[in-house]
PDB file of N, CA and C in Angstrom:
ATOM      1  N   UNK A   1     120.347  95.554  91.539  1.00  0.00           N
ATOM      2  CA  UNK A   1     119.470  96.453  92.252  1.00  0.00           C
ATOM      3  C   UNK A   1     118.875  97.477  91.294  1.00  0.00           C
ATOM      4  N   UNK A   2     119.699  98.061  90.442  1.00  0.00           N
ATOM      5  CA  UNK A   2     119.222  99.095  89.520  1.00  0.00           C
ATOM      6  C   UNK A   2     118.145  98.557  88.575  1.00  0.00           C
ATOM      7  N   UNK A   3     118.353  97.357  88.042  1.00  0.00           N
ATOM      8  CA  UNK A   3     117.371  96.766  87.128  1.00  0.00           C
ATOM      9  C   UNK A   3     116.055  96.523  87.856  1.00  0.00           C
ATOM     10  N   UNK A   4     116.145  95.972  89.064  1.00  0.00           N
ATOM     11  CA  UNK A   4     114.921  95.718  89.838  1.00  0.00           C
ATOM     12  C   UNK A   4     114.198  97.021  90.152  1.00  0.00           C
ATOM     13  N   UNK A   5     114.953  98.026  90.557  1.00  0.00           N
ATOM     14  CA  UNK A   5     114.389  99.338  90.896  1.00  0.00           C
ATOM     15  C   UNK A   5     113.678  99.952  89.692  1.00  0.00           C
ATOM     16  N   UNK A   6     114.321  99.924  88.526  1.00  0.00           N
ATOM     17  CA  UNK A   6     113.713 100.507  87.325  1.00  0.00           C
ATOM     18  C   UNK A   6     112.462  99.744  86.900  1.00  0.00           C
ATOM     19  N   UNK A   7     112.468  98.436  87.105  1.00  0.00           N
ATOM     20  CA  UNK A   7     111.297  97.623  86.786  1.00  0.00           C
ATOM     21  C   UNK A   7     110.126  97.983  87.701  1.00  0.00           C
ATOM     22  N   UNK A   8     110.412  98.175  88.971  1.00  0.00           N
ATOM     23  CA  UNK A   8     109.357  98.503  89.939  1.00  0.00           C
ATOM     24  C   UNK A   8     108.806  99.900  89.698  1.00  0.00           C
ATOM     25  N   UNK A   9     109.679 100.880  89.513  1.00  0.00           N
ATOM     26  CA  UNK A   9     109.215 102.261  89.436  1.00  0.00           C
ATOM     27  C   UNK A   9     108.399 102.522  88.174  1.00  0.00           C
ATOM     28  N   UNK A  10     108.746 101.862  87.083  1.00  0.00           N
ATOM     29  CA  UNK A  10     107.963 101.985  85.855  1.00  0.00           C
ATOM     30  C   UNK A  10     107.689 103.430  85.480  1.00  0.00           C
ATOM     31  N   UNK A  11     106.427 103.767  85.337  1.00  0.00           N
ATOM     32  CA  UNK A  11     106.037 105.120  84.930  1.00  0.00           C
ATOM     33  C   UNK A  11     105.667 106.006  86.114  1.00  0.00           C
ATOM     34  N   UNK A  12     105.793 105.488  87.329  1.00  0.00           N
ATOM     35  CA  UNK A  12     105.447 106.287  88.502  1.00  0.00           C
ATOM     36  C   UNK A  12     106.485 107.393  88.709  1.00  0.00           C
ATOM     37  N   UNK A  13     105.998 108.543  89.104  1.00  0.00           N
ATOM     38  CA  UNK A  13     106.904 109.645  89.407  1.00  0.00           C
ATOM     39  C   UNK A  13     107.098 109.723  90.916  1.00  0.00           C
ATOM     40  N   UNK A  14     108.089 110.492  91.330  1.00  0.00           N
ATOM     41  CA  UNK A  14     108.295 110.705  92.765  1.00  0.00           C
ATOM     42  C   UNK A  14     107.046 111.329  93.380  1.00  0.00           C
ATOM     43  N   UNK A  15     106.418 112.241  92.666  1.00  0.00           N
ATOM     44  CA  UNK A  15     105.194 112.885  93.159  1.00  0.00           C
ATOM     45  C   UNK A  15     104.068 111.862  93.359  1.00  0.00           C
ATOM     46  N   UNK A  16     103.953 110.894  92.446  1.00  0.00           N
ATOM     47  CA  UNK A  16     102.941 109.839  92.589  1.00  0.00           C
ATOM     48  C   UNK A  16     103.169 109.041  93.862  1.00  0.00           C
ATOM     49  N   UNK A  17     104.431 108.691  94.096  1.00  0.00           N
ATOM     50  CA  UNK A  17     104.762 107.889  95.274  1.00  0.00           C
ATOM     51  C   UNK A  17     104.575 108.677  96.568  1.00  0.00           C
ATOM     52  N   UNK A  18     104.958 109.942  96.563  1.00  0.00           N
ATOM     53  CA  UNK A  18     104.757 110.786  97.755  1.00  0.00           C
ATOM     54  C   UNK A  18     103.269 110.918  98.052  1.00  0.00           C
ATOM     55  N   UNK A  19     102.453 111.102  97.010  1.00  0.00           N
ATOM     56  CA  UNK A  19     100.999 111.197  97.200  1.00  0.00           C
ATOM     57  C   UNK A  19     100.465 109.909  97.825  1.00  0.00           C
ATOM     58  N   UNK A  20     100.965 108.761  97.359  1.00  0.00           N
ATOM     59  CA  UNK A  20     100.535 107.481  97.917  1.00  0.00           C
ATOM     60  C   UNK A  20     100.959 107.341  99.373  1.00  0.00           C
ATOM     61  N   UNK A  21     102.186 107.747  99.692  1.00  0.00           N
ATOM     62  CA  UNK A  21     102.667 107.691 101.080  1.00  0.00           C
ATOM     63  C   UNK A  21     101.767 108.556 101.970  1.00  0.00           C
ATOM     64  N   UNK A  22     101.464 109.772 101.533  1.00  0.00           N
ATOM     65  CA  UNK A  22     100.603 110.663 102.317  1.00  0.00           C
ATOM     66  C   UNK A  22      99.201 110.080 102.485  1.00  0.00           C
ATOM     67  N   UNK A  23      98.671 109.513 101.431  1.00  0.00           N
ATOM     68  CA  UNK A  23      97.337 108.922 101.477  1.00  0.00           C
ATOM     69  C   UNK A  23      97.296 107.706 102.400  1.00  0.00           C
ATOM     70  N   UNK A  24      98.338 106.905 102.356  1.00  0.00           N
ATOM     71  CA  UNK A  24      98.375 105.659 103.126  1.00  0.00           C
ATOM     72  C   UNK A  24      98.711 105.849 104.594  1.00  0.00           C
ATOM     73  N   UNK A  25      99.474 106.897 104.921  1.00  0.00           N
ATOM     74  CA  UNK A  25      99.948 107.057 106.296  1.00  0.00           C
ATOM     75  C   UNK A  25      99.302 108.219 107.037  1.00  0.00           C
ATOM     76  N   UNK A  26      98.706 109.149 106.308  1.00  0.00           N
ATOM     77  CA  UNK A  26      98.070 110.334 106.892  1.00  0.00           C
ATOM     78  C   UNK A  26      98.968 111.018 107.934  1.00  0.00           C
ATOM     79  N   UNK A  27     100.147 111.482 107.524  1.00  0.00           N
ATOM     80  CA  UNK A  27     101.048 112.147 108.481  1.00  0.00           C
ATOM     81  C   UNK A  27     100.451 113.471 108.963  1.00  0.00           C
ATOM     82  N   UNK A  28     100.948 113.949 110.111  1.00  0.00           N
ATOM     83  CA  UNK A  28     100.457 115.220 110.660  1.00  0.00           C
ATOM     84  C   UNK A  28     100.636 116.351 109.658  1.00  0.00           C
ATOM     85  N   UNK A  29     101.789 116.400 109.032  1.00  0.00           N
ATOM     86  CA  UNK A  29     102.098 117.389 107.999  1.00  0.00           C
ATOM     87  C   UNK A  29     102.383 116.604 106.719  1.00  0.00           C
ATOM     88  N   UNK A  30     101.783 116.966 105.602  1.00  0.00           N
ATOM     89  CA  UNK A  30     102.043 116.204 104.373  1.00  0.00           C
ATOM     90  C   UNK A  30     103.532 116.140 104.039  1.00  0.00           C
ATOM     91  N   UNK A  31     103.963 114.965 103.636  1.00  0.00           N
ATOM     92  CA  UNK A  31     105.342 114.760 103.213  1.00  0.00           C
ATOM     93  C   UNK A  31     105.493 115.351 101.823  1.00  0.00           C
ATOM     94  N   UNK A  32     106.598 116.062 101.599  1.00  0.00           N
ATOM     95  CA  UNK A  32     106.807 116.729 100.318  1.00  0.00           C
ATOM     96  C   UNK A  32     107.839 116.042  99.435  1.00  0.00           C
ATOM     97  N   UNK A  33     108.770 115.284 100.049  1.00  0.00           N
ATOM     98  CA  UNK A  33     109.810 114.608  99.268  1.00  0.00           C
ATOM     99  C   UNK A  33     110.386 113.462 100.097  1.00  0.00           C
ATOM    100  N   UNK A  34     111.247 112.680  99.463  1.00  0.00           N
ATOM    101  CA  UNK A  34     111.837 111.542 100.154  1.00  0.00           C
ATOM    102  C   UNK A  34     112.987 111.915 101.081  1.00  0.00           C
ATOM    103  N   UNK A  35     113.327 113.203 101.170  1.00  0.00           N
ATOM    104  CA  UNK A  35     114.299 113.617 102.183  1.00  0.00           C
ATOM    105  C   UNK A  35     113.615 114.403 103.295  1.00  0.00           C
ATOM    106  N   UNK A  36     112.300 114.229 103.400  1.00  0.00           N
ATOM    107  CA  UNK A  36     111.516 114.871 104.455  1.00  0.00           C
ATOM    108  C   UNK A  36     111.938 114.299 105.811  1.00  0.00           C
ATOM    109  N   UNK A  37     112.184 115.147 106.807  1.00  0.00           N
ATOM    110  CA  UNK A  37     112.624 114.678 108.131  1.00  0.00           C
ATOM    111  C   UNK A  37     111.644 113.718 108.815  1.00  0.00           C
ATOM    112  N   UNK A  38     110.381 113.686 108.378  1.00  0.00           N
ATOM    113  CA  UNK A  38     109.420 112.768 108.985  1.00  0.00           C
ATOM    114  C   UNK A  38     109.782 111.300 108.750  1.00  0.00           C
ATOM    115  N   UNK A  39     110.599 111.019 107.753  1.00  0.00           N
ATOM    116  CA  UNK A  39     111.033 109.648 107.497  1.00  0.00           C
ATOM    117  C   UNK A  39     112.081 109.180 108.513  1.00  0.00           C
ATOM    118  N   UNK A  40     112.786 110.106 109.139  1.00  0.00           N
ATOM    119  CA  UNK A  40     113.968 109.784 109.947  1.00  0.00           C
ATOM    120  C   UNK A  40     113.708 108.851 111.124  1.00  0.00           C
ATOM    121  N   UNK A  41     112.533 108.917 111.736  1.00  0.00           N
ATOM    122  CA  UNK A  41     112.286 108.061 112.901  1.00  0.00           C
ATOM    123  C   UNK A  41     111.723 106.689 112.524  1.00  0.00           C
ATOM    124  N   UNK A  42     111.465 106.461 111.238  1.00  0.00           N
ATOM    125  CA  UNK A  42     111.011 105.156 110.762  1.00  0.00           C
ATOM    126  C   UNK A  42     109.533 104.884 110.914  1.00  0.00           C
ATOM    127  N   UNK A  43     108.816 105.712 111.663  1.00  0.00           N
ATOM    128  CA  UNK A  43     107.402 105.426 111.932  1.00  0.00           C
ATOM    129  C   UNK A  43     106.527 105.523 110.686  1.00  0.00           C
ATOM    130  N   UNK A  44     106.840 106.436 109.784  1.00  0.00           N
ATOM    131  CA  UNK A  44     106.061 106.556 108.538  1.00  0.00           C
ATOM    132  C   UNK A  44     106.199 105.262 107.724  1.00  0.00           C
ATOM    133  N   UNK A  45     107.396 104.699 107.680  1.00  0.00           N
ATOM    134  CA  UNK A  45     107.610 103.473 106.915  1.00  0.00           C
ATOM    135  C   UNK A  45     106.895 102.285 107.549  1.00  0.00           C
ATOM    136  N   UNK A  46     106.838 102.261 108.872  1.00  0.00           N
ATOM    137  CA  UNK A  46     106.088 101.206 109.562  1.00  0.00           C
ATOM    138  C   UNK A  46     104.599 101.347 109.238  1.00  0.00           C
ATOM    139  N   UNK A  47     104.080 102.580 109.285  1.00  0.00           N
ATOM    140  CA  UNK A  47     102.675 102.814 108.928  1.00  0.00           C
ATOM    141  C   UNK A  47     102.405 102.408 107.489  1.00  0.00           C
ATOM    142  N   UNK A  48     103.333 102.706 106.610  1.00  0.00           N
ATOM    143  CA  UNK A  48     103.177 102.377 105.197  1.00  0.00           C
ATOM    144  C   UNK A  48     103.084 100.856 105.013  1.00  0.00           C
ATOM    145  N   UNK A  49     103.951 100.122 105.679  1.00  0.00           N
ATOM    146  CA  UNK A  49     103.891  98.661 105.622  1.00  0.00           C
ATOM    147  C   UNK A  49     102.585  98.163 106.236  1.00  0.00           C
ATOM    148  N   UNK A  50     102.145  98.815 107.299  1.00  0.00           N
ATOM    149  CA  UNK A  50     100.885  98.452 107.937  1.00  0.00           C
ATOM    150  C   UNK A  50      99.668  98.716 107.070  1.00  0.00           C
ATOM    151  N   UNK A  51      99.800  99.625 106.118  1.00  0.00           N
ATOM    152  CA  UNK A  51      98.668  99.888 105.217  1.00  0.00           C
ATOM    153  C   UNK A  51      98.461  98.713 104.256  1.00  0.00           C
ATOM    154  N   UNK A  52      99.472  97.888 104.107  1.00  0.00           N
ATOM    155  CA  UNK A  52      99.358  96.700 103.254  1.00  0.00           C
ATOM    156  C   UNK A  52      98.766  95.543 104.046  1.00  0.00           C
ATOM    157  N   UNK A  53      99.278  95.323 105.247  1.00  0.00           N
ATOM    158  CA  UNK A  53      98.783  94.254 106.109  1.00  0.00           C
ATOM    159  C   UNK A  53      98.881  94.700 107.563  1.00  0.00           C
ATOM    160  N   UNK A  54      97.790  95.283 108.088  1.00  0.00           N
ATOM    161  CA  UNK A  54      97.812  95.832 109.457  1.00  0.00           C
ATOM    162  C   UNK A  54      98.163  94.816 110.537  1.00  0.00           C
ATOM    163  N   UNK A  55      97.855  93.555 110.320  1.00  0.00           N
ATOM    164  CA  UNK A  55      98.131  92.532 111.344  1.00  0.00           C
ATOM    165  C   UNK A  55      99.620  92.265 111.518  1.00  0.00           C
ATOM    166  N   UNK A  56     100.442  92.736 110.593  1.00  0.00           N
ATOM    167  CA  UNK A  56     101.898  92.541 110.687  1.00  0.00           C
ATOM    168  C   UNK A  56     102.539  93.455 111.731  1.00  0.00           C
ATOM    169  N   UNK A  57     101.840  94.487 112.134  1.00  0.00           N
ATOM    170  CA  UNK A  57     102.430  95.501 113.017  1.00  0.00           C
ATOM    171  C   UNK A  57     102.156  95.165 114.480  1.00  0.00           C
ATOM    172  N   UNK A  58     103.224  95.083 115.252  1.00  0.00           N
ATOM    173  CA  UNK A  58     103.128  94.956 116.703  1.00  0.00           C
ATOM    174  C   UNK A  58     103.439  96.343 117.262  1.00  0.00           C
ATOM    175  N   UNK A  59     102.410  97.060 117.646  1.00  0.00           N
ATOM    176  CA  UNK A  59     102.577  98.452 118.077  1.00  0.00           C
ATOM    177  C   UNK A  59     103.427  98.589 119.341  1.00  0.00           C
ATOM    178  N   UNK A  60     103.556  97.513 120.098  1.00  0.00           N
ATOM    179  CA  UNK A  60     104.410  97.543 121.293  1.00  0.00           C
ATOM    180  C   UNK A  60     105.894  97.666 120.926  1.00  0.00           C
ATOM    181  N   UNK A  61     106.254  97.324 119.683  1.00  0.00           N
ATOM    182  CA  UNK A  61     107.653  97.384 119.259  1.00  0.00           C
ATOM    183  C   UNK A  61     108.037  98.731 118.653  1.00  0.00           C
ATOM    184  N   UNK A  62     107.060  99.599 118.431  1.00  0.00           N
ATOM    185  CA  UNK A  62     107.341 100.910 117.838  1.00  0.00           C
ATOM    186  C   UNK A  62     107.722 101.880 118.945  1.00  0.00           C
ATOM    187  N   UNK A  63     108.867 102.529 118.767  1.00  0.00           N
ATOM    188  CA  UNK A  63     109.351 103.484 119.766  1.00  0.00           C
ATOM    189  C   UNK A  63     108.974 104.908 119.344  1.00  0.00           C
ATOM    190  N   UNK A  64     109.062 105.876 120.252  1.00  0.00           N
ATOM    191  CA  UNK A  64     108.787 107.269 119.877  1.00  0.00           C
ATOM    192  C   UNK A  64     109.734 107.823 118.811  1.00  0.00           C
ATOM    193  N   UNK A  65     110.917 107.254 118.699  1.00  0.00           N
ATOM    194  CA  UNK A  65     111.865 107.702 117.687  1.00  0.00           C
ATOM    195  C   UNK A  65     112.552 109.013 118.009  1.00  0.00           C
ATOM    196  N   UNK A  66     112.636 109.331 119.289  1.00  0.00           N
ATOM    197  CA  UNK A  66     113.249 110.603 119.671  1.00  0.00           C
ATOM    198  C   UNK A  66     114.766 110.506 119.886  1.00  0.00           C
ATOM    199  N   UNK A  67     115.282 109.309 120.115  1.00  0.00           N
ATOM    200  CA  UNK A  67     116.735 109.143 120.273  1.00  0.00           C
ATOM    201  C   UNK A  67     117.286 108.361 119.078  1.00  0.00           C
ATOM    202  N   UNK A  68     118.591 108.379 118.928  1.00  0.00           N
ATOM    203  CA  UNK A  68     119.216 107.621 117.841  1.00  0.00           C
ATOM    204  C   UNK A  68     118.934 106.128 117.977  1.00  0.00           C
ATOM    205  N   UNK A  69     118.947 105.632 119.194  1.00  0.00           N
ATOM    206  CA  UNK A  69     118.683 104.206 119.430  1.00  0.00           C
ATOM    207  C   UNK A  69     117.247 103.842 119.041  1.00  0.00           C
ATOM    208  N   UNK A  70     116.292 104.704 119.388  1.00  0.00           N
ATOM    209  CA  UNK A  70     114.887 104.459 119.033  1.00  0.00           C
ATOM    210  C   UNK A  70     114.682 104.512 117.522  1.00  0.00           C
ATOM    211  N   UNK A  71     115.368 105.433 116.864  1.00  0.00           N
ATOM    212  CA  UNK A  71     115.284 105.517 115.396  1.00  0.00           C
ATOM    213  C   UNK A  71     115.838 104.243 114.766  1.00  0.00           C
ATOM    214  N   UNK A  72     116.934 103.741 115.316  1.00  0.00           N
ATOM    215  CA  UNK A  72     117.527 102.504 114.810  1.00  0.00           C
ATOM    216  C   UNK A  72     116.553 101.336 114.952  1.00  0.00           C
ATOM    217  N   UNK A  73     115.920 101.222 116.129  1.00  0.00           N
ATOM    218  CA  UNK A  73     114.968 100.130 116.355  1.00  0.00           C
ATOM    219  C   UNK A  73     113.790 100.213 115.390  1.00  0.00           C
ATOM    220  N   UNK A  74     113.248 101.405 115.199  1.00  0.00           N
ATOM    221  CA  UNK A  74     112.125 101.582 114.273  1.00  0.00           C
ATOM    222  C   UNK A  74     112.539 101.270 112.837  1.00  0.00           C
ATOM    223  N   UNK A  75     113.723 101.724 112.451  1.00  0.00           N
ATOM    224  CA  UNK A  75     114.203 101.483 111.089  1.00  0.00           C
ATOM    225  C   UNK A  75     114.373  99.981 110.840  1.00  0.00           C
ATOM    226  N   UNK A  76     114.973  99.287 111.776  1.00  0.00           N
ATOM    227  CA  UNK A  76     115.143  97.840 111.631  1.00  0.00           C
ATOM    228  C   UNK A  76     113.790  97.132 111.585  1.00  0.00           C
ATOM    229  N   UNK A  77     112.854  97.611 112.378  1.00  0.00           N
ATOM    230  CA  UNK A  77     111.515  97.012 112.396  1.00  0.00           C
ATOM    231  C   UNK A  77     110.798  97.247 111.059  1.00  0.00           C
ATOM    232  N   UNK A  78     110.896  98.452 110.515  1.00  0.00           N
ATOM    233  CA  UNK A  78     110.258  98.769 109.229  1.00  0.00           C
ATOM    234  C   UNK A  78     110.800  97.860 108.125  1.00  0.00           C
ATOM    235  N   UNK A  79     112.107  97.679 108.083  1.00  0.00           N
ATOM    236  CA  UNK A  79     112.721  96.822 107.071  1.00  0.00           C
ATOM    237  C   UNK A  79     112.283  95.375 107.263  1.00  0.00           C
ATOM    238  N   UNK A  80     112.233  94.935 108.502  1.00  0.00           N
ATOM    239  CA  UNK A  80     111.817  93.567 108.804  1.00  0.00           C
ATOM    240  C   UNK A  80     110.380  93.315 108.344  1.00  0.00           C
ATOM    241  N   UNK A  81     109.493  94.233 108.616  1.00  0.00           N
ATOM    242  CA  UNK A  81     108.089  94.081 108.205  1.00  0.00           C
ATOM    243  C   UNK A  81     107.981  94.031 106.682  1.00  0.00           C
ATOM    244  N   UNK A  82     108.670  94.940 106.017  1.00  0.00           N
ATOM    245  CA  UNK A  82     108.614  94.985 104.548  1.00  0.00           C
ATOM    246  C   UNK A  82     109.096  93.664 103.953  1.00  0.00           C
ATOM    247  N   UNK A  83     110.161  93.120 104.494  1.00  0.00           N
ATOM    248  CA  UNK A  83     110.682  91.846 103.989  1.00  0.00           C
ATOM    249  C   UNK A  83     109.696  90.713 104.254  1.00  0.00           C
ATOM    250  N   UNK A  84     109.068  90.708 105.425  1.00  0.00           N
ATOM    251  CA  UNK A  84     108.076  89.673 105.736  1.00  0.00           C
ATOM    252  C   UNK A  84     106.870  89.764 104.804  1.00  0.00           C
ATOM    253  N   UNK A  85     106.565  90.963 104.355  1.00  0.00           N
ATOM    254  CA  UNK A  85     105.464  91.143 103.404  1.00  0.00           C
ATOM    255  C   UNK A  85     105.835  90.658 102.004  1.00  0.00           C
ATOM    256  N   UNK A  86     107.123  90.489 101.760  1.00  0.00           N
ATOM    257  CA  UNK A  86     107.585  90.013 100.459  1.00  0.00           C
ATOM    258  C   UNK A  86     108.225  91.086  99.598  1.00  0.00           C
ATOM    259  N   UNK A  87     108.422  92.273 100.155  1.00  0.00           N
ATOM    260  CA  UNK A  87     109.069  93.350  99.397  1.00  0.00           C
ATOM    261  C   UNK A  87     110.562  93.082  99.283  1.00  0.00           C
ATOM    262  N   UNK A  88     111.123  93.427  98.132  1.00  0.00           N
ATOM    263  CA  UNK A  88     112.563  93.319  97.930  1.00  0.00           C
ATOM    264  C   UNK A  88     113.175  94.616  98.443  1.00  0.00           C
ATOM    265  N   UNK A  89     113.967  94.516  99.508  1.00  0.00           N
ATOM    266  CA  UNK A  89     114.525  95.693 100.171  1.00  0.00           C
ATOM    267  C   UNK A  89     116.044  95.654 100.065  1.00  0.00           C
ATOM    268  N   UNK A  90     116.610  96.724  99.535  1.00  0.00           N
ATOM    269  CA  UNK A  90     118.053  96.829  99.350  1.00  0.00           C
ATOM    270  C   UNK A  90     118.720  97.697 100.420  1.00  0.00           C
ATOM    271  N   UNK A  91     117.945  98.442 101.181  1.00  0.00           N
ATOM    272  CA  UNK A  91     118.520  99.400 102.129  1.00  0.00           C
ATOM    273  C   UNK A  91     118.965  98.730 103.419  1.00  0.00           C
ATOM    274  N   UNK A  92     119.809  99.425 104.148  1.00  0.00           N
ATOM    275  CA  UNK A  92     120.176  99.033 105.501  1.00  0.00           C
ATOM    276  C   UNK A  92     119.523 100.037 106.445  1.00  0.00           C
ATOM    277  N   UNK A  93     119.447  99.681 107.703  1.00  0.00           N
ATOM    278  CA  UNK A  93     118.672 100.490 108.649  1.00  0.00           C
ATOM    279  C   UNK A  93     119.119 101.948 108.706  1.00  0.00           C
ATOM    280  N   UNK A  94     120.424 102.217 108.621  1.00  0.00           N
ATOM    281  CA  UNK A  94     120.859 103.601 108.802  1.00  0.00           C
ATOM    282  C   UNK A  94     120.580 104.492 107.591  1.00  0.00           C
ATOM    283  N   UNK A  95     120.097 103.917 106.489  1.00  0.00           N
ATOM    284  CA  UNK A  95     119.624 104.746 105.378  1.00  0.00           C
ATOM    285  C   UNK A  95     118.390 105.550 105.781  1.00  0.00           C
ATOM    286  N   UNK A  96     117.648 105.054 106.758  1.00  0.00           N
ATOM    287  CA  UNK A  96     116.407 105.728 107.167  1.00  0.00           C
ATOM    288  C   UNK A  96     116.698 106.979 107.993  1.00  0.00           C
ATOM    289  N   UNK A  97     117.389 106.896 109.133  1.00  0.00           N
ATOM    290  CA  UNK A  97     117.656 108.138 109.876  1.00  0.00           C
ATOM    291  C   UNK A  97     118.566 109.124 109.136  1.00  0.00           C
ATOM    292  N   UNK A  98     119.387 108.617 108.229  1.00  0.00           N
ATOM    293  CA  UNK A  98     120.255 109.506 107.439  1.00  0.00           C
ATOM    294  C   UNK A  98     119.510 110.139 106.264  1.00  0.00           C
ATOM    295  N   UNK A  99     118.260 109.737 106.079  1.00  0.00           N
ATOM    296  CA  UNK A  99     117.411 110.253 104.997  1.00  0.00           C
ATOM    297  C   UNK A  99     118.047 110.059 103.622  1.00  0.00           C
ATOM    298  N   UNK A 100     118.477 108.839 103.358  1.00  0.00           N
ATOM    299  CA  UNK A 100     119.021 108.492 102.051  1.00  0.00           C
ATOM    300  C   UNK A 100     117.851 108.467 101.063  1.00  0.00           C
ATOM    301  N   UNK A 101     117.697 109.555 100.342  1.00  0.00           N
ATOM    302  CA  UNK A 101     116.540 109.780  99.478  1.00  0.00           C
ATOM    303  C   UNK A 101     116.325 108.636  98.488  1.00  0.00           C
ATOM    304  N   UNK A 102     117.376 108.196  97.852  1.00  0.00           N
ATOM    305  CA  UNK A 102     117.256 107.138  96.845  1.00  0.00           C
ATOM    306  C   UNK A 102     116.754 105.839  97.473  1.00  0.00           C
ATOM    307  N   UNK A 103     117.305 105.470  98.616  1.00  0.00           N
ATOM    308  CA  UNK A 103     116.897 104.227  99.257  1.00  0.00           C
ATOM    309  C   UNK A 103     115.476 104.314  99.819  1.00  0.00           C
ATOM    310  N   UNK A 104     115.093 105.478 100.318  1.00  0.00           N
ATOM    311  CA  UNK A 104     113.716 105.658 100.788  1.00  0.00           C
ATOM    312  C   UNK A 104     112.734 105.563  99.617  1.00  0.00           C
ATOM    313  N   UNK A 105     113.100 106.129  98.491  1.00  0.00           N
ATOM    314  CA  UNK A 105     112.275 106.039  97.287  1.00  0.00           C
ATOM    315  C   UNK A 105     112.095 104.580  96.877  1.00  0.00           C
ATOM    316  N   UNK A 106     113.181 103.823  96.847  1.00  0.00           N
ATOM    317  CA  UNK A 106     113.107 102.419  96.444  1.00  0.00           C
ATOM    318  C   UNK A 106     112.279 101.616  97.451  1.00  0.00           C
ATOM    319  N   UNK A 107     112.452 101.879  98.742  1.00  0.00           N
ATOM    320  CA  UNK A 107     111.681 101.193  99.783  1.00  0.00           C
ATOM    321  C   UNK A 107     110.190 101.422  99.563  1.00  0.00           C
ATOM    322  N   UNK A 108     109.795 102.686  99.402  1.00  0.00           N
ATOM    323  CA  UNK A 108     108.374 103.021  99.206  1.00  0.00           C
ATOM    324  C   UNK A 108     107.852 102.459  97.892  1.00  0.00           C
ATOM    325  N   UNK A 109     108.680 102.487  96.877  1.00  0.00           N
ATOM    326  CA  UNK A 109     108.314 101.954  95.575  1.00  0.00           C
ATOM    327  C   UNK A 109     108.066 100.440  95.668  1.00  0.00           C
ATOM    328  N   UNK A 110     108.893  99.743  96.418  1.00  0.00           N
ATOM    329  CA  UNK A 110     108.722  98.300  96.602  1.00  0.00           C
ATOM    330  C   UNK A 110     107.412  97.996  97.311  1.00  0.00           C
ATOM    331  N   UNK A 111     107.084  98.786  98.329  1.00  0.00           N
ATOM    332  CA  UNK A 111     105.818  98.581  99.029  1.00  0.00           C
ATOM    333  C   UNK A 111     104.628  98.928  98.139  1.00  0.00           C
ATOM    334  N   UNK A 112     104.770  99.983  97.346  1.00  0.00           N
ATOM    335  CA  UNK A 112     103.718 100.367  96.402  1.00  0.00           C
ATOM    336  C   UNK A 112     103.454  99.220  95.429  1.00  0.00           C
ATOM    337  N   UNK A 113     104.517  98.679  94.876  1.00  0.00           N
ATOM    338  CA  UNK A 113     104.398  97.577  93.931  1.00  0.00           C
ATOM    339  C   UNK A 113     103.750  96.372  94.599  1.00  0.00           C
ATOM    340  N   UNK A 114     104.165  96.056  95.799  1.00  0.00           N
ATOM    341  CA  UNK A 114     103.605  94.926  96.531  1.00  0.00           C
ATOM    342  C   UNK A 114     102.108  95.124  96.776  1.00  0.00           C
ATOM    343  N   UNK A 115     101.735  96.293  97.240  1.00  0.00           N
ATOM    344  CA  UNK A 115     100.321  96.565  97.538  1.00  0.00           C
ATOM    345  C   UNK A 115      99.466  96.471  96.281  1.00  0.00           C
ATOM    346  N   UNK A 116      99.935  97.039  95.194  1.00  0.00           N
ATOM    347  CA  UNK A 116      99.111  97.085  93.988  1.00  0.00           C
ATOM    348  C   UNK A 116      99.127  95.767  93.216  1.00  0.00           C
ATOM    349  N   UNK A 117     100.070  94.891  93.501  1.00  0.00           N
ATOM    350  CA  UNK A 117     100.044  93.565  92.889  1.00  0.00           C
ATOM    351  C   UNK A 117      99.219  92.575  93.709  1.00  0.00           C
ATOM    352  N   UNK A 118      98.961  92.925  94.974  1.00  0.00           N
ATOM    353  CA  UNK A 118      98.106  92.088  95.818  1.00  0.00           C
ATOM    354  C   UNK A 118      96.631  92.365  95.548  1.00  0.00           C
ATOM    355  N   UNK A 119      96.344  93.607  95.157  1.00  0.00           N
ATOM    356  CA  UNK A 119      94.944  94.016  94.969  1.00  0.00           C
ATOM    357  C   UNK A 119      94.319  93.390  93.750  1.00  0.00           C
TER     358      UNK A 119
END
């Protein structure tokens, strides 16, 4: 995992990736770091995956993310979409609501790499 992560991140900084997340998802309030509470409900990650291939998103499956169960469903859906897109994902669903900064960074980095290698 560490070797793959270092290969993907390359020369990108956390600030570069956060800027890309903000640009791609247009959150209500700009995200400042990978432990930002906006990641907890999983919707930002679903939007991020949708910025790569919008047809992959079934909006009927996205929940408001206000309960723990809804956060779990969104987190599992975000991981599922990323994997279907071909991203290498090492995280488990509960890394998202727990705001596991390292795993969120790797998740976003994998999507960044996927998007920029498709272009």
